[in-house]
Amino acid sequence: QVQVVESGGGTVQAGGSLRLSCVVTGNIYRINRMHWYRQETGKVRELVATISSSGSVSYSDSVKGRFTISRHNAETTMYLQMNSLKPEDTGVYYCYADGIVYYAPNNHQTVTNEKYWGQGTQVTVSS
């Protein structure tokens, strides 16, 4: 009933830019926080950036000053503007939404504090 879908990945040369999007669909009332994670092959998934419903943001040290996280007014769409990309930014980028409150029409209930991951979008930065 809730889906998280990322888009915008691709292949870019070092120094280039990409903009990732994440859309959460369903009968959403609100989402507390949304995050971007990334995972390189054979490595642990790492947190890249977070944005709260109030608009406060945080970044990992490795992307600070190069990446910008933002959220659409409807709060169910999130973006990650990635500039000055480096080969070490390569990986699968995942959207993670937590504190989701939504309406489940199948059982006529409001569901609270749910968390969902997207399937990921590949970003490859060539040197």
C-alpha atoms as a PDB file:
ATOM      1  CA  GLN A   1       0.000   0.000   0.000  1.00  0.00           C
ATOM      2  CA  VAL A   2       3.024   2.242   0.436  1.00  0.00           C
ATOM      3  CA  GLN A   3       5.685   2.311  -2.245  1.00  0.00           C
ATOM      4  CA  VAL A   4       9.019   4.092  -2.333  1.00  0.00           C
ATOM      5  CA  VAL A   5      10.512   4.638  -5.775  1.00  0.00           C
ATOM      6  CA  GLU A   6      13.843   6.221  -6.620  1.00  0.00           C
ATOM      7  CA  SER A   7      14.915   7.582  -9.998  1.00  0.00           C
ATOM      8  CA  GLY A   8      17.605   9.709 -11.573  1.00  0.00           C
ATOM      9  CA  GLY A   9      20.614   7.461 -11.333  1.00  0.00           C
ATOM     10  CA  GLY A  10      23.034   6.998 -14.194  1.00  0.00           C
ATOM     11  CA  THR A  11      26.634   7.211 -15.297  1.00  0.00           C
ATOM     12  CA  VAL A  12      28.524  10.482 -15.157  1.00  0.00           C
ATOM     13  CA  GLN A  13      32.134  11.581 -15.357  1.00  0.00           C
ATOM     14  CA  ALA A  14      33.959  12.818 -12.295  1.00  0.00           C
ATOM     15  CA  GLY A  15      33.081  16.439 -11.619  1.00  0.00           C
ATOM     16  CA  GLY A  16      29.623  16.043 -13.070  1.00  0.00           C
ATOM     17  CA  SER A  17      26.199  16.260 -11.474  1.00  0.00           C
ATOM     18  CA  LEU A  18      23.120  14.109 -11.010  1.00  0.00           C
ATOM     19  CA  ARG A  19      19.773  14.695  -9.347  1.00  0.00           C
ATOM     20  CA  LEU A  20      18.049  11.791  -7.636  1.00  0.00           C
ATOM     21  CA  SER A  21      14.351  11.721  -6.838  1.00  0.00           C
ATOM     22  CA  CYS A  22      12.364   9.656  -4.362  1.00  0.00           C
ATOM     23  CA  VAL A  23       8.589   9.462  -4.367  1.00  0.00           C
ATOM     24  CA  VAL A  24       6.515   7.831  -1.636  1.00  0.00           C
ATOM     25  CA  THR A  25       3.040   6.833  -2.793  1.00  0.00           C
ATOM     26  CA  GLY A  26      -0.033   5.578  -0.982  1.00  0.00           C
ATOM     27  CA  ASN A  27      -2.602   7.233   1.222  1.00  0.00           C
ATOM     28  CA  ILE A  28       0.084   9.165   3.081  1.00  0.00           C
ATOM     29  CA  TYR A  29      -0.802  11.577   5.860  1.00  0.00           C
ATOM     30  CA  ARG A  30       2.743  12.501   6.792  1.00  0.00           C
ATOM     31  CA  ILE A  31       6.330  11.287   6.842  1.00  0.00           C
ATOM     32  CA  ASN A  32       8.661  12.226   9.672  1.00  0.00           C
ATOM     33  CA  ARG A  33      12.097  11.813   8.134  1.00  0.00           C
ATOM     34  CA  MET A  34      13.462  10.840   4.741  1.00  0.00           C
ATOM     35  CA  HIS A  35      16.977   9.663   4.095  1.00  0.00           C
ATOM     36  CA  TRP A  36      19.368   8.812   1.303  1.00  0.00           C
ATOM     37  CA  TYR A  37      21.663   5.870   1.833  1.00  0.00           C
ATOM     38  CA  ARG A  38      24.210   4.417  -0.550  1.00  0.00           C
ATOM     39  CA  GLN A  39      25.903   1.076  -0.822  1.00  0.00           C
ATOM     40  CA  GLU A  40      28.976   0.116  -2.771  1.00  0.00           C
ATOM     41  CA  THR A  41      29.422  -3.489  -3.790  1.00  0.00           C
ATOM     42  CA  GLY A  42      30.717  -5.518  -0.867  1.00  0.00           C
ATOM     43  CA  LYS A  43      30.362  -2.678   1.639  1.00  0.00           C
ATOM     44  CA  VAL A  44      27.921  -1.706   4.344  1.00  0.00           C
ATOM     45  CA  ARG A  45      25.070   0.604   3.432  1.00  0.00           C
ATOM     46  CA  GLU A  46      25.913   4.103   4.669  1.00  0.00           C
ATOM     47  CA  LEU A  47      23.790   7.128   5.470  1.00  0.00           C
ATOM     48  CA  VAL A  48      24.368  10.016   3.068  1.00  0.00           C
ATOM     49  CA  ALA A  49      21.790  12.642   4.030  1.00  0.00           C
ATOM     50  CA  THR A  50      18.627  13.146   6.092  1.00  0.00           C
ATOM     51  CA  ILE A  51      15.799  15.657   5.957  1.00  0.00           C
ATOM     52  CA  SER A  52      13.061  15.967   8.551  1.00  0.00           C
ATOM     53  CA  SER A  53       9.490  17.133   8.156  1.00  0.00           C
ATOM     54  CA  SER A  54      10.541  20.458   9.691  1.00  0.00           C
ATOM     55  CA  GLY A  55      13.207  20.876   7.023  1.00  0.00           C
ATOM     56  CA  SER A  56      16.274  20.272   9.134  1.00  0.00           C
ATOM     57  CA  VAL A  57      19.023  18.505   7.194  1.00  0.00           C
ATOM     58  CA  SER A  58      22.214  16.611   7.906  1.00  0.00           C
ATOM     59  CA  TYR A  59      24.946  15.127   5.720  1.00  0.00           C
ATOM     60  CA  SER A  60      27.760  12.672   5.992  1.00  0.00           C
ATOM     61  CA  ASP A  61      31.174  14.304   6.028  1.00  0.00           C
ATOM     62  CA  SER A  62      32.030  12.698   2.694  1.00  0.00           C
ATOM     63  CA  VAL A  63      29.298  14.588   0.811  1.00  0.00           C
ATOM     64  CA  LYS A  64      28.980  17.795   2.817  1.00  0.00           C
ATOM     65  CA  GLY A  65      29.304  20.832   0.566  1.00  0.00           C
ATOM     66  CA  ARG A  66      28.682  18.810  -2.601  1.00  0.00           C
ATOM     67  CA  PHE A  67      25.246  17.234  -2.105  1.00  0.00           C
ATOM     68  CA  THR A  68      21.983  18.975  -1.271  1.00  0.00           C
ATOM     69  CA  ILE A  69      18.930  17.173   0.068  1.00  0.00           C
ATOM     70  CA  SER A  70      15.504  18.755  -0.327  1.00  0.00           C
ATOM     71  CA  ARG A  71      11.890  17.880   0.030  1.00  0.00           C
ATOM     72  CA  HIS A  72       8.836  18.882  -1.975  1.00  0.00           C
ATOM     73  CA  ASN A  73       6.117  20.853  -0.285  1.00  0.00           C
ATOM     74  CA  ALA A  74       3.898  17.784  -0.342  1.00  0.00           C
ATOM     75  CA  GLU A  75       6.597  16.100   1.763  1.00  0.00           C
ATOM     76  CA  THR A  76       6.267  12.818  -0.072  1.00  0.00           C
ATOM     77  CA  THR A  77       8.915  13.666  -2.653  1.00  0.00           C
ATOM     78  CA  MET A  78      12.581  14.053  -1.867  1.00  0.00           C
ATOM     79  CA  TYR A  79      15.579  15.002  -3.978  1.00  0.00           C
ATOM     80  CA  LEU A  80      19.329  14.677  -3.770  1.00  0.00           C
ATOM     81  CA  GLN A  81      21.287  17.122  -5.902  1.00  0.00           C
ATOM     82  CA  MET A  82      24.767  15.713  -6.312  1.00  0.00           C
ATOM     83  CA  ASN A  83      27.492  18.019  -7.614  1.00  0.00           C
ATOM     84  CA  SER A  84      31.240  17.620  -8.043  1.00  0.00           C
ATOM     85  CA  LEU A  85      30.798  13.868  -8.154  1.00  0.00           C
ATOM     86  CA  LYS A  86      33.756  11.634  -7.402  1.00  0.00           C
ATOM     87  CA  PRO A  87      34.397   7.988  -8.311  1.00  0.00           C
ATOM     88  CA  GLU A  88      33.979   7.104  -4.635  1.00  0.00           C
ATOM     89  CA  ASP A  89      30.369   8.313  -4.847  1.00  0.00           C
ATOM     90  CA  THR A  90      29.612   5.276  -6.991  1.00  0.00           C
ATOM     91  CA  GLY A  91      27.019   2.915  -5.565  1.00  0.00           C
ATOM     92  CA  VAL A  92      23.350   2.095  -5.321  1.00  0.00           C
ATOM     93  CA  TYR A  93      21.444   4.956  -3.725  1.00  0.00           C
ATOM     94  CA  TYR A  94      18.452   4.050  -1.586  1.00  0.00           C
ATOM     95  CA  CYS A  95      15.614   6.159  -0.281  1.00  0.00           C
ATOM     96  CA  TYR A  96      14.394   5.360   3.238  1.00  0.00           C
ATOM     97  CA  ALA A  97      11.321   6.923   4.790  1.00  0.00           C
ATOM     98  CA  ASP A  98      10.458   6.554   8.453  1.00  0.00           C
ATOM     99  CA  GLY A  99       7.711   7.760  10.741  1.00  0.00           C
ATOM    100  CA  ILE A 100       5.164   7.227   7.982  1.00  0.00           C
ATOM    101  CA  VAL A 101       1.506   7.682   8.866  1.00  0.00           C
ATOM    102  CA  TYR A 102      -0.895   6.416   6.244  1.00  0.00           C
ATOM    103  CA  TYR A 103      -4.415   5.142   5.696  1.00  0.00           C
ATOM    104  CA  ALA A 104      -4.856   1.471   4.862  1.00  0.00           C
ATOM    105  CA  PRO A 105      -8.137   1.206   2.954  1.00  0.00           C
ATOM    106  CA  ASN A 106      -8.190  -2.585   3.065  1.00  0.00           C
ATOM    107  CA  ASN A 107      -8.790  -2.623   6.796  1.00  0.00           C
ATOM    108  CA  HIS A 108      -9.910   1.000   7.242  1.00  0.00           C
ATOM    109  CA  GLN A 109      -7.130   1.785   9.665  1.00  0.00           C
ATOM    110  CA  THR A 110      -4.576   4.531  10.116  1.00  0.00           C
ATOM    111  CA  VAL A 111      -1.137   2.982  10.317  1.00  0.00           C
ATOM    112  CA  THR A 112       1.551   4.841  12.229  1.00  0.00           C
ATOM    113  CA  ASN A 113       5.320   4.803  12.523  1.00  0.00           C
ATOM    114  CA  GLU A 114       5.980   2.645   9.493  1.00  0.00           C
ATOM    115  CA  LYS A 115       9.294   2.504   7.636  1.00  0.00           C
ATOM    116  CA  TYR A 116       9.952   1.669   4.008  1.00  0.00           C
ATOM    117  CA  TRP A 117      12.945   1.282   1.731  1.00  0.00           C
ATOM    118  CA  GLY A 118      13.035   1.844  -1.998  1.00  0.00           C
ATOM    119  CA  GLN A 119      14.656  -0.542  -4.464  1.00  0.00           C
ATOM    120  CA  GLY A 120      17.592   1.749  -5.187  1.00  0.00           C
ATOM    121  CA  THR A 121      19.034   3.531  -8.180  1.00  0.00           C
ATOM    122  CA  GLN A 122      22.562   2.991  -9.498  1.00  0.00           C
ATOM    123  CA  VAL A 123      25.000   5.893  -9.649  1.00  0.00           C
ATOM    124  CA  THR A 124      28.307   5.333 -11.411  1.00  0.00           C
ATOM    125  CA  VAL A 125      30.995   8.005 -11.515  1.00  0.00           C
ATOM    126  CA  SER A 126      33.840   7.351 -13.914  1.00  0.00           C
ATOM    127  CA  SER A 127      37.296   8.836 -13.476  1.00  0.00           C
END
